[in-house]
């Protein structure tokens, strides 16, 4: 989305001056605030999503956000309501269709793909039925930082806080059910109920992030920071913290770049997140290569 057709801002290489100039606009302040909330919530939910190997479900929820926003535009309703309604409805549908246990993995994948294809068809229909000027297929799909109001920031913060609180409350049993569902079920952990609750939280986080990155590229904030953090560490607490920090850095760097360039925000967020993922793999590969080069210490040699 273009910032403006005329008098585009110029990067001066004076970071302090550039930030002061950028933050003199309320819409940019709101964009950074909203981006921080969205990045942290999406990264936290995404960490569990990647660990549970439900990235296909996360991708489906991000796709469903598009027909939800298109339907809201068609009906004259607020677009955030469309995002939230579609994502939570799809999450409920996936929770009802999924089967518990490893034997149901193929059936769950097929059900998820069915929901995704149906949602895409509905989104195309809603866009076709809309007779007015839909200034937004690009914004709905690829995101924009223009027009974010203080009220939207407050709403995003309230929803994000609720999602993070709910995740914190179920984090321990959810982690147990994710790593060893059979033992967790034998010890009385409601594995299926936890899975459904997590899908609802994931749908809410997706709806929230989609308002910034767009429905197609919200998947970048869900999976890339989490995948990068899990490359760097296997510790849950540290992994969640790294995921949130990586997501925040990708979102803020994307906002900074999109302010000066006439390209969609989602492109920059995805590019920075992917760069972090590649750097994490490169660092891990170098660490492994150095470890092999040194080799084991001789017996009795000082460490």
C-alpha atoms as a PDB file:
ATOM      1  CA  UNK A   1       0.000   0.000   0.000  1.00  0.00           C
ATOM      2  CA  UNK A   2       1.445   3.364  -0.937  1.00  0.00           C
ATOM      3  CA  UNK A   3       2.078   5.820   1.847  1.00  0.00           C
ATOM      4  CA  UNK A   4       1.284   8.666  -0.496  1.00  0.00           C
ATOM      5  CA  UNK A   5       1.401   9.305  -4.185  1.00  0.00           C
ATOM      6  CA  UNK A   6       3.317  12.543  -3.736  1.00  0.00           C
ATOM      7  CA  UNK A   7       6.143  13.767  -1.527  1.00  0.00           C
ATOM      8  CA  UNK A   8       7.300  10.328  -0.404  1.00  0.00           C
ATOM      9  CA  UNK A   9       9.515  10.486   2.700  1.00  0.00           C
ATOM     10  CA  UNK A  10      13.254  10.101   2.193  1.00  0.00           C
ATOM     11  CA  UNK A  11      15.589   8.064   4.378  1.00  0.00           C
ATOM     12  CA  UNK A  12      18.371  10.337   5.676  1.00  0.00           C
ATOM     13  CA  UNK A  13      20.680   7.749   7.318  1.00  0.00           C
ATOM     14  CA  UNK A  14      20.254   9.673  10.571  1.00  0.00           C
ATOM     15  CA  UNK A  15      18.288   7.080  12.507  1.00  0.00           C
ATOM     16  CA  UNK A  16      17.324   9.357  15.395  1.00  0.00           C
ATOM     17  CA  UNK A  17      16.065  12.074  13.055  1.00  0.00           C
ATOM     18  CA  UNK A  18      14.263   9.548  10.873  1.00  0.00           C
ATOM     19  CA  UNK A  19      12.467   8.045  13.870  1.00  0.00           C
ATOM     20  CA  UNK A  20      11.498  11.478  15.196  1.00  0.00           C
ATOM     21  CA  UNK A  21      10.088  12.422  11.801  1.00  0.00           C
ATOM     22  CA  UNK A  22       8.270   9.099  11.433  1.00  0.00           C
ATOM     23  CA  UNK A  23       6.766   9.187  14.923  1.00  0.00           C
ATOM     24  CA  UNK A  24       5.540  12.732  14.452  1.00  0.00           C
ATOM     25  CA  UNK A  25       2.597  11.115  12.638  1.00  0.00           C
ATOM     26  CA  UNK A  26      -0.031   9.565  14.893  1.00  0.00           C
ATOM     27  CA  UNK A  27      -0.820   6.813  12.386  1.00  0.00           C
ATOM     28  CA  UNK A  28       2.815   5.637  12.500  1.00  0.00           C
ATOM     29  CA  UNK A  29       2.855   5.668  16.302  1.00  0.00           C
ATOM     30  CA  UNK A  30      -0.319   3.599  16.268  1.00  0.00           C
ATOM     31  CA  UNK A  31       1.180   1.281  13.651  1.00  0.00           C
ATOM     32  CA  UNK A  32       4.223   0.566  15.826  1.00  0.00           C
ATOM     33  CA  UNK A  33       2.031   0.032  18.882  1.00  0.00           C
ATOM     34  CA  UNK A  34      -0.314  -2.282  17.024  1.00  0.00           C
ATOM     35  CA  UNK A  35       2.619  -4.070  15.416  1.00  0.00           C
ATOM     36  CA  UNK A  36       4.173  -4.748  18.810  1.00  0.00           C
ATOM     37  CA  UNK A  37       0.966  -6.279  20.166  1.00  0.00           C
ATOM     38  CA  UNK A  38       0.334  -8.344  17.054  1.00  0.00           C
ATOM     39  CA  UNK A  39       3.928  -9.600  16.812  1.00  0.00           C
ATOM     40  CA  UNK A  40       4.104 -10.755  20.423  1.00  0.00           C
ATOM     41  CA  UNK A  41       0.713 -12.490  20.398  1.00  0.00           C
ATOM     42  CA  UNK A  42       1.223 -14.159  17.008  1.00  0.00           C
ATOM     43  CA  UNK A  43       4.733 -15.305  17.931  1.00  0.00           C
ATOM     44  CA  UNK A  44       3.583 -16.831  21.231  1.00  0.00           C
ATOM     45  CA  UNK A  45       0.668 -18.669  19.632  1.00  0.00           C
ATOM     46  CA  UNK A  46       2.875 -19.625  16.704  1.00  0.00           C
ATOM     47  CA  UNK A  47       5.478 -21.220  18.973  1.00  0.00           C
ATOM     48  CA  UNK A  48       2.921 -23.739  20.216  1.00  0.00           C
ATOM     49  CA  UNK A  49       1.536 -24.125  16.683  1.00  0.00           C
ATOM     50  CA  UNK A  50       4.943 -25.119  15.287  1.00  0.00           C
ATOM     51  CA  UNK A  51       5.669 -27.409  18.230  1.00  0.00           C
ATOM     52  CA  UNK A  52       2.281 -29.141  17.773  1.00  0.00           C
ATOM     53  CA  UNK A  53       2.901 -29.467  14.013  1.00  0.00           C
ATOM     54  CA  UNK A  54      -0.312 -27.615  13.210  1.00  0.00           C
ATOM     55  CA  UNK A  55       1.138 -25.190  10.690  1.00  0.00           C
ATOM     56  CA  UNK A  56      -1.385 -26.343   8.086  1.00  0.00           C
ATOM     57  CA  UNK A  57      -4.191 -25.405  10.471  1.00  0.00           C
ATOM     58  CA  UNK A  58      -2.526 -22.033  11.073  1.00  0.00           C
ATOM     59  CA  UNK A  59      -2.245 -21.444   7.342  1.00  0.00           C
ATOM     60  CA  UNK A  60      -5.919 -22.315   6.902  1.00  0.00           C
ATOM     61  CA  UNK A  61      -6.934 -19.852   9.610  1.00  0.00           C
ATOM     62  CA  UNK A  62      -4.892 -17.126   7.930  1.00  0.00           C
ATOM     63  CA  UNK A  63      -6.578 -17.877   4.588  1.00  0.00           C
ATOM     64  CA  UNK A  64     -10.017 -17.821   6.218  1.00  0.00           C
ATOM     65  CA  UNK A  65      -9.346 -14.267   7.405  1.00  0.00           C
ATOM     66  CA  UNK A  66      -9.654 -13.029   3.810  1.00  0.00           C
ATOM     67  CA  UNK A  67     -13.275 -14.146   3.146  1.00  0.00           C
ATOM     68  CA  UNK A  68     -14.179 -12.919   6.621  1.00  0.00           C
ATOM     69  CA  UNK A  69     -12.855  -9.437   5.874  1.00  0.00           C
ATOM     70  CA  UNK A  70     -14.424  -9.474   2.396  1.00  0.00           C
ATOM     71  CA  UNK A  71     -17.821 -10.447   3.828  1.00  0.00           C
ATOM     72  CA  UNK A  72     -17.604  -7.714   6.453  1.00  0.00           C
ATOM     73  CA  UNK A  73     -16.865  -5.178   3.705  1.00  0.00           C
ATOM     74  CA  UNK A  74     -19.785  -6.508   1.644  1.00  0.00           C
ATOM     75  CA  UNK A  75     -22.179  -6.166   4.601  1.00  0.00           C
ATOM     76  CA  UNK A  76     -20.830  -2.775   5.676  1.00  0.00           C
ATOM     77  CA  UNK A  77     -19.440  -4.113   8.943  1.00  0.00           C
ATOM     78  CA  UNK A  78     -16.049  -3.310  10.506  1.00  0.00           C
ATOM     79  CA  UNK A  79     -13.301  -5.334   8.859  1.00  0.00           C
ATOM     80  CA  UNK A  80     -11.775  -6.446  12.226  1.00  0.00           C
ATOM     81  CA  UNK A  81     -15.130  -8.033  13.050  1.00  0.00           C
ATOM     82  CA  UNK A  82     -14.917 -10.016   9.820  1.00  0.00           C
ATOM     83  CA  UNK A  83     -11.404 -11.188  10.628  1.00  0.00           C
ATOM     84  CA  UNK A  84     -12.341 -12.278  14.136  1.00  0.00           C
ATOM     85  CA  UNK A  85     -15.648 -13.894  13.206  1.00  0.00           C
ATOM     86  CA  UNK A  86     -14.243 -15.935  10.332  1.00  0.00           C
ATOM     87  CA  UNK A  87     -11.114 -17.087  12.167  1.00  0.00           C
ATOM     88  CA  UNK A  88     -12.929 -18.144  15.338  1.00  0.00           C
ATOM     89  CA  UNK A  89     -15.653 -19.908  13.333  1.00  0.00           C
ATOM     90  CA  UNK A  90     -13.026 -21.773  11.314  1.00  0.00           C
ATOM     91  CA  UNK A  91     -11.131 -22.672  14.492  1.00  0.00           C
ATOM     92  CA  UNK A  92     -14.313 -24.122  15.976  1.00  0.00           C
ATOM     93  CA  UNK A  93     -14.904 -26.061  12.784  1.00  0.00           C
ATOM     94  CA  UNK A  94     -11.387 -27.482  12.797  1.00  0.00           C
ATOM     95  CA  UNK A  95     -11.709 -28.406  16.474  1.00  0.00           C
ATOM     96  CA  UNK A  96     -14.915 -30.319  15.773  1.00  0.00           C
ATOM     97  CA  UNK A  97     -13.560 -32.041  12.656  1.00  0.00           C
ATOM     98  CA  UNK A  98     -10.156 -33.035  13.991  1.00  0.00           C
ATOM     99  CA  UNK A  99      -9.623 -36.525  15.355  1.00  0.00           C
ATOM    100  CA  UNK A 100      -7.550 -37.307  18.407  1.00  0.00           C
ATOM    101  CA  UNK A 101      -4.460 -39.502  18.230  1.00  0.00           C
ATOM    102  CA  UNK A 102      -1.866 -40.100  15.582  1.00  0.00           C
ATOM    103  CA  UNK A 103      -4.188 -42.315  13.527  1.00  0.00           C
ATOM    104  CA  UNK A 104      -6.379 -39.314  12.828  1.00  0.00           C
ATOM    105  CA  UNK A 105      -3.617 -37.117  11.436  1.00  0.00           C
ATOM    106  CA  UNK A 106      -4.513 -37.800   7.791  1.00  0.00           C
ATOM    107  CA  UNK A 107      -8.208 -37.237   8.445  1.00  0.00           C
ATOM    108  CA  UNK A 108      -7.446 -33.974  10.263  1.00  0.00           C
ATOM    109  CA  UNK A 109      -5.276 -32.784   7.380  1.00  0.00           C
ATOM    110  CA  UNK A 110      -8.018 -33.559   4.870  1.00  0.00           C
ATOM    111  CA  UNK A 111     -10.618 -31.732   6.951  1.00  0.00           C
ATOM    112  CA  UNK A 112      -8.316 -28.720   7.258  1.00  0.00           C
ATOM    113  CA  UNK A 113      -7.756 -28.615   3.503  1.00  0.00           C
ATOM    114  CA  UNK A 114     -11.506 -28.824   2.916  1.00  0.00           C
ATOM    115  CA  UNK A 115     -12.145 -25.830   5.173  1.00  0.00           C
ATOM    116  CA  UNK A 116      -9.385 -23.864   3.447  1.00  0.00           C
ATOM    117  CA  UNK A 117     -10.601 -24.466  -0.110  1.00  0.00           C
ATOM    118  CA  UNK A 118     -14.206 -23.649   0.821  1.00  0.00           C
ATOM    119  CA  UNK A 119     -13.110 -20.420   2.497  1.00  0.00           C
ATOM    120  CA  UNK A 120     -11.130 -19.314  -0.540  1.00  0.00           C
ATOM    121  CA  UNK A 121     -14.122 -19.926  -2.796  1.00  0.00           C
ATOM    122  CA  UNK A 122     -16.336 -17.857  -0.498  1.00  0.00           C
ATOM    123  CA  UNK A 123     -13.792 -15.039  -0.428  1.00  0.00           C
ATOM    124  CA  UNK A 124     -13.756 -14.845  -4.213  1.00  0.00           C
ATOM    125  CA  UNK A 125     -17.565 -14.795  -4.229  1.00  0.00           C
ATOM    126  CA  UNK A 126     -17.764 -11.955  -1.695  1.00  0.00           C
ATOM    127  CA  UNK A 127     -15.263  -9.846  -3.631  1.00  0.00           C
ATOM    128  CA  UNK A 128     -17.222 -10.456  -6.835  1.00  0.00           C
ATOM    129  CA  UNK A 129     -20.543  -9.528  -5.230  1.00  0.00           C
ATOM    130  CA  UNK A 130     -19.202  -6.248  -3.880  1.00  0.00           C
ATOM    131  CA  UNK A 131     -20.227  -3.573  -6.384  1.00  0.00           C
ATOM    132  CA  UNK A 132     -18.516  -0.600  -4.788  1.00  0.00           C
ATOM    133  CA  UNK A 133     -14.871   0.409  -4.860  1.00  0.00           C
ATOM    134  CA  UNK A 134     -13.144  -2.264  -2.872  1.00  0.00           C
ATOM    135  CA  UNK A 135      -9.968  -0.312  -2.130  1.00  0.00           C
ATOM    136  CA  UNK A 136      -8.879  -3.175  -0.297  1.00  0.00           C
ATOM    137  CA  UNK A 137      -8.183  -6.512  -1.883  1.00  0.00           C
ATOM    138  CA  UNK A 138      -4.476  -5.629  -1.722  1.00  0.00           C
ATOM    139  CA  UNK A 139      -4.730  -4.331   1.843  1.00  0.00           C
ATOM    140  CA  UNK A 140      -6.826  -7.331   2.935  1.00  0.00           C
ATOM    141  CA  UNK A 141      -4.339  -9.750   1.415  1.00  0.00           C
ATOM    142  CA  UNK A 142      -0.980  -8.079   2.011  1.00  0.00           C
ATOM    143  CA  UNK A 143      -1.583  -5.666   4.883  1.00  0.00           C
ATOM    144  CA  UNK A 144      -1.316  -1.932   5.468  1.00  0.00           C
ATOM    145  CA  UNK A 145      -0.282   0.370   8.283  1.00  0.00           C
ATOM    146  CA  UNK A 146      -2.452   3.288   7.132  1.00  0.00           C
ATOM    147  CA  UNK A 147      -5.516   4.274   9.085  1.00  0.00           C
ATOM    148  CA  UNK A 148      -4.787   2.389  12.323  1.00  0.00           C
ATOM    149  CA  UNK A 149      -6.642   4.353  14.975  1.00  0.00           C
ATOM    150  CA  UNK A 150      -5.985   4.630  18.681  1.00  0.00           C
ATOM    151  CA  UNK A 151      -9.241   2.777  19.302  1.00  0.00           C
ATOM    152  CA  UNK A 152      -8.025  -0.132  17.175  1.00  0.00           C
ATOM    153  CA  UNK A 153      -4.772  -0.223  19.136  1.00  0.00           C
ATOM    154  CA  UNK A 154      -6.727  -0.404  22.397  1.00  0.00           C
ATOM    155  CA  UNK A 155      -8.915  -3.196  21.003  1.00  0.00           C
ATOM    156  CA  UNK A 156      -5.902  -5.132  19.718  1.00  0.00           C
ATOM    157  CA  UNK A 157      -4.200  -4.746  23.102  1.00  0.00           C
ATOM    158  CA  UNK A 158      -7.266  -6.017  24.989  1.00  0.00           C
ATOM    159  CA  UNK A 159      -7.698  -9.018  22.696  1.00  0.00           C
ATOM    160  CA  UNK A 160      -3.967  -9.745  22.714  1.00  0.00           C
ATOM    161  CA  UNK A 161      -3.798  -9.603  26.496  1.00  0.00           C
ATOM    162  CA  UNK A 162      -6.715 -12.032  26.738  1.00  0.00           C
ATOM    163  CA  UNK A 163      -5.012 -14.458  24.334  1.00  0.00           C
ATOM    164  CA  UNK A 164      -1.693 -14.285  26.193  1.00  0.00           C
ATOM    165  CA  UNK A 165      -3.411 -14.769  29.552  1.00  0.00           C
ATOM    166  CA  UNK A 166      -5.307 -17.798  28.270  1.00  0.00           C
ATOM    167  CA  UNK A 167      -2.102 -19.239  26.784  1.00  0.00           C
ATOM    168  CA  UNK A 168      -0.307 -18.728  30.085  1.00  0.00           C
ATOM    169  CA  UNK A 169      -3.070 -20.549  31.967  1.00  0.00           C
ATOM    170  CA  UNK A 170      -2.971 -23.630  29.726  1.00  0.00           C
ATOM    171  CA  UNK A 171       0.726 -23.539  28.799  1.00  0.00           C
ATOM    172  CA  UNK A 172       1.948 -26.345  31.068  1.00  0.00           C
ATOM    173  CA  UNK A 173      -0.782 -28.916  30.327  1.00  0.00           C
ATOM    174  CA  UNK A 174      -0.754 -27.905  26.648  1.00  0.00           C
ATOM    175  CA  UNK A 175       3.003 -28.483  26.468  1.00  0.00           C
ATOM    176  CA  UNK A 176       2.579 -31.857  28.201  1.00  0.00           C
ATOM    177  CA  UNK A 177      -0.224 -32.851  25.826  1.00  0.00           C
ATOM    178  CA  UNK A 178       1.857 -31.748  22.851  1.00  0.00           C
ATOM    179  CA  UNK A 179       5.042 -33.633  23.744  1.00  0.00           C
ATOM    180  CA  UNK A 180       3.388 -36.875  24.918  1.00  0.00           C
ATOM    181  CA  UNK A 181      -0.385 -36.927  24.335  1.00  0.00           C
ATOM    182  CA  UNK A 182      -0.800 -40.582  25.344  1.00  0.00           C
ATOM    183  CA  UNK A 183       0.835 -40.181  28.758  1.00  0.00           C
ATOM    184  CA  UNK A 184      -0.946 -36.858  29.280  1.00  0.00           C
ATOM    185  CA  UNK A 185      -4.325 -38.467  28.570  1.00  0.00           C
ATOM    186  CA  UNK A 186      -3.499 -41.359  30.904  1.00  0.00           C
ATOM    187  CA  UNK A 187      -2.804 -38.848  33.678  1.00  0.00           C
ATOM    188  CA  UNK A 188      -6.145 -37.153  33.197  1.00  0.00           C
ATOM    189  CA  UNK A 189      -5.096 -34.192  31.065  1.00  0.00           C
ATOM    190  CA  UNK A 190      -8.009 -33.201  28.759  1.00  0.00           C
ATOM    191  CA  UNK A 191      -5.935 -33.482  25.577  1.00  0.00           C
ATOM    192  CA  UNK A 192      -8.804 -33.025  23.106  1.00  0.00           C
ATOM    193  CA  UNK A 193     -10.273 -30.067  25.011  1.00  0.00           C
ATOM    194  CA  UNK A 194      -6.858 -28.407  25.210  1.00  0.00           C
ATOM    195  CA  UNK A 195      -6.425 -28.891  21.468  1.00  0.00           C
ATOM    196  CA  UNK A 196      -9.760 -27.220  20.766  1.00  0.00           C
ATOM    197  CA  UNK A 197      -8.979 -24.350  23.148  1.00  0.00           C
ATOM    198  CA  UNK A 198      -5.617 -23.800  21.493  1.00  0.00           C
ATOM    199  CA  UNK A 199      -7.189 -23.697  18.024  1.00  0.00           C
ATOM    200  CA  UNK A 200      -9.565 -20.981  19.254  1.00  0.00           C
ATOM    201  CA  UNK A 201      -6.654 -18.978  20.651  1.00  0.00           C
ATOM    202  CA  UNK A 202      -4.731 -19.499  17.419  1.00  0.00           C
ATOM    203  CA  UNK A 203      -7.732 -18.284  15.421  1.00  0.00           C
ATOM    204  CA  UNK A 204      -7.999 -15.168  17.576  1.00  0.00           C
ATOM    205  CA  UNK A 205      -4.280 -14.440  17.231  1.00  0.00           C
ATOM    206  CA  UNK A 206      -4.538 -14.926  13.464  1.00  0.00           C
ATOM    207  CA  UNK A 207      -7.460 -12.527  13.208  1.00  0.00           C
ATOM    208  CA  UNK A 208      -5.523  -9.960  15.207  1.00  0.00           C
ATOM    209  CA  UNK A 209      -2.317 -10.246  13.187  1.00  0.00           C
ATOM    210  CA  UNK A 210      -4.163 -10.275   9.855  1.00  0.00           C
ATOM    211  CA  UNK A 211      -5.186  -6.653  10.349  1.00  0.00           C
ATOM    212  CA  UNK A 212      -1.523  -5.633  10.095  1.00  0.00           C
ATOM    213  CA  UNK A 213       0.112  -8.121   7.738  1.00  0.00           C
ATOM    214  CA  UNK A 214      -2.925  -9.026   5.641  1.00  0.00           C
ATOM    215  CA  UNK A 215      -4.614 -12.397   5.537  1.00  0.00           C
ATOM    216  CA  UNK A 216      -2.120 -14.088   3.211  1.00  0.00           C
ATOM    217  CA  UNK A 217       1.057 -13.044   5.008  1.00  0.00           C
ATOM    218  CA  UNK A 218      -0.168 -13.336   8.605  1.00  0.00           C
ATOM    219  CA  UNK A 219       1.297 -16.838   8.385  1.00  0.00           C
ATOM    220  CA  UNK A 220       4.745 -15.234   8.358  1.00  0.00           C
ATOM    221  CA  UNK A 221       4.323 -13.878  11.886  1.00  0.00           C
ATOM    222  CA  UNK A 222       2.785 -17.130  13.087  1.00  0.00           C
ATOM    223  CA  UNK A 223       5.402 -19.572  11.846  1.00  0.00           C
ATOM    224  CA  UNK A 224       8.717 -17.846  11.041  1.00  0.00           C
ATOM    225  CA  UNK A 225       9.628 -16.337  14.452  1.00  0.00           C
ATOM    226  CA  UNK A 226       8.543 -19.544  16.187  1.00  0.00           C
ATOM    227  CA  UNK A 227      10.457 -21.762  13.757  1.00  0.00           C
ATOM    228  CA  UNK A 228      13.540 -19.549  14.126  1.00  0.00           C
ATOM    229  CA  UNK A 229      13.363 -19.696  17.926  1.00  0.00           C
ATOM    230  CA  UNK A 230      13.055 -23.489  17.867  1.00  0.00           C
ATOM    231  CA  UNK A 231      16.165 -23.695  15.690  1.00  0.00           C
ATOM    232  CA  UNK A 232      18.053 -21.687  18.311  1.00  0.00           C
ATOM    233  CA  UNK A 233      16.841 -23.394  21.490  1.00  0.00           C
ATOM    234  CA  UNK A 234      14.703 -26.282  22.714  1.00  0.00           C
ATOM    235  CA  UNK A 235      13.903 -24.623  26.047  1.00  0.00           C
ATOM    236  CA  UNK A 236      10.221 -23.627  26.167  1.00  0.00           C
ATOM    237  CA  UNK A 237      10.554 -20.410  28.172  1.00  0.00           C
ATOM    238  CA  UNK A 238      13.573 -19.152  26.237  1.00  0.00           C
ATOM    239  CA  UNK A 239      11.998 -20.250  22.967  1.00  0.00           C
ATOM    240  CA  UNK A 240       8.818 -18.280  23.655  1.00  0.00           C
ATOM    241  CA  UNK A 241      10.853 -15.204  24.575  1.00  0.00           C
ATOM    242  CA  UNK A 242      13.019 -15.459  21.456  1.00  0.00           C
ATOM    243  CA  UNK A 243       9.963 -16.025  19.271  1.00  0.00           C
ATOM    244  CA  UNK A 244       8.337 -12.851  20.596  1.00  0.00           C
ATOM    245  CA  UNK A 245      11.523 -10.797  20.183  1.00  0.00           C
ATOM    246  CA  UNK A 246      12.107 -12.054  16.635  1.00  0.00           C
ATOM    247  CA  UNK A 247       8.498 -11.352  15.677  1.00  0.00           C
ATOM    248  CA  UNK A 248       8.704  -7.874  17.181  1.00  0.00           C
ATOM    249  CA  UNK A 249      11.940  -7.107  15.325  1.00  0.00           C
ATOM    250  CA  UNK A 250      10.521  -8.344  11.997  1.00  0.00           C
ATOM    251  CA  UNK A 251       7.341  -6.312  12.413  1.00  0.00           C
ATOM    252  CA  UNK A 252       9.057  -3.068  13.447  1.00  0.00           C
ATOM    253  CA  UNK A 253      11.740  -3.366  10.771  1.00  0.00           C
ATOM    254  CA  UNK A 254       8.983  -4.024   8.247  1.00  0.00           C
ATOM    255  CA  UNK A 255       7.099  -0.913   9.349  1.00  0.00           C
ATOM    256  CA  UNK A 256      10.265   1.158   9.129  1.00  0.00           C
ATOM    257  CA  UNK A 257      11.006  -0.078   5.594  1.00  0.00           C
ATOM    258  CA  UNK A 258       7.394   0.232   4.399  1.00  0.00           C
ATOM    259  CA  UNK A 259       7.324   3.876   5.493  1.00  0.00           C
ATOM    260  CA  UNK A 260      10.020   4.714   2.951  1.00  0.00           C
ATOM    261  CA  UNK A 261       9.175   2.281   0.153  1.00  0.00           C
ATOM    262  CA  UNK A 262       5.970   1.989  -1.948  1.00  0.00           C
ATOM    263  CA  UNK A 263       5.559  -1.744  -1.342  1.00  0.00           C
ATOM    264  CA  UNK A 264       3.163  -3.732   0.871  1.00  0.00           C
ATOM    265  CA  UNK A 265       3.973  -3.991   4.557  1.00  0.00           C
ATOM    266  CA  UNK A 266       3.476  -7.746   4.530  1.00  0.00           C
ATOM    267  CA  UNK A 267       6.320  -8.164   2.046  1.00  0.00           C
ATOM    268  CA  UNK A 268       8.819  -6.448   4.330  1.00  0.00           C
ATOM    269  CA  UNK A 269       7.653  -8.273   7.473  1.00  0.00           C
ATOM    270  CA  UNK A 270       7.933 -11.611   5.690  1.00  0.00           C
ATOM    271  CA  UNK A 271      11.349 -10.766   4.233  1.00  0.00           C
ATOM    272  CA  UNK A 272      12.863  -9.796   7.580  1.00  0.00           C
ATOM    273  CA  UNK A 273      11.334 -12.828   9.310  1.00  0.00           C
ATOM    274  CA  UNK A 274      12.682 -15.143   6.610  1.00  0.00           C
ATOM    275  CA  UNK A 275      16.117 -13.527   6.862  1.00  0.00           C
ATOM    276  CA  UNK A 276      16.148 -14.283  10.584  1.00  0.00           C
ATOM    277  CA  UNK A 277      15.202 -17.893   9.891  1.00  0.00           C
ATOM    278  CA  UNK A 278      18.036 -18.287   7.375  1.00  0.00           C
ATOM    279  CA  UNK A 279      20.554 -16.665   9.745  1.00  0.00           C
ATOM    280  CA  UNK A 280      19.492 -19.026  12.546  1.00  0.00           C
ATOM    281  CA  UNK A 281      20.068 -22.058  10.325  1.00  0.00           C
ATOM    282  CA  UNK A 282      23.393 -20.638   9.146  1.00  0.00           C
ATOM    283  CA  UNK A 283      24.523 -20.036  12.713  1.00  0.00           C
ATOM    284  CA  UNK A 284      23.505 -23.536  13.727  1.00  0.00           C
ATOM    285  CA  UNK A 285      25.328 -25.055  10.752  1.00  0.00           C
ATOM    286  CA  UNK A 286      28.500 -23.083  11.567  1.00  0.00           C
ATOM    287  CA  UNK A 287      28.302 -24.130  15.207  1.00  0.00           C
ATOM    288  CA  UNK A 288      27.978 -27.788  14.187  1.00  0.00           C
ATOM    289  CA  UNK A 289      30.853 -27.497  11.698  1.00  0.00           C
ATOM    290  CA  UNK A 290      33.127 -25.900  14.305  1.00  0.00           C
ATOM    291  CA  UNK A 291      32.254 -28.635  16.781  1.00  0.00           C
ATOM    292  CA  UNK A 292      33.195 -31.321  14.272  1.00  0.00           C
ATOM    293  CA  UNK A 293      36.424 -29.520  13.380  1.00  0.00           C
ATOM    294  CA  UNK A 294      37.575 -29.427  16.996  1.00  0.00           C
ATOM    295  CA  UNK A 295      36.739 -33.077  17.498  1.00  0.00           C
ATOM    296  CA  UNK A 296      36.644 -34.899  20.837  1.00  0.00           C
ATOM    297  CA  UNK A 297      39.284 -34.088  23.429  1.00  0.00           C
ATOM    298  CA  UNK A 298      41.941 -36.769  24.032  1.00  0.00           C
ATOM    299  CA  UNK A 299      41.457 -38.857  27.157  1.00  0.00           C
ATOM    300  CA  UNK A 300      42.986 -37.114  30.118  1.00  0.00           C
ATOM    301  CA  UNK A 301      43.527 -33.848  28.274  1.00  0.00           C
ATOM    302  CA  UNK A 302      42.534 -30.657  30.104  1.00  0.00           C
ATOM    303  CA  UNK A 303      39.269 -29.098  28.858  1.00  0.00           C
END
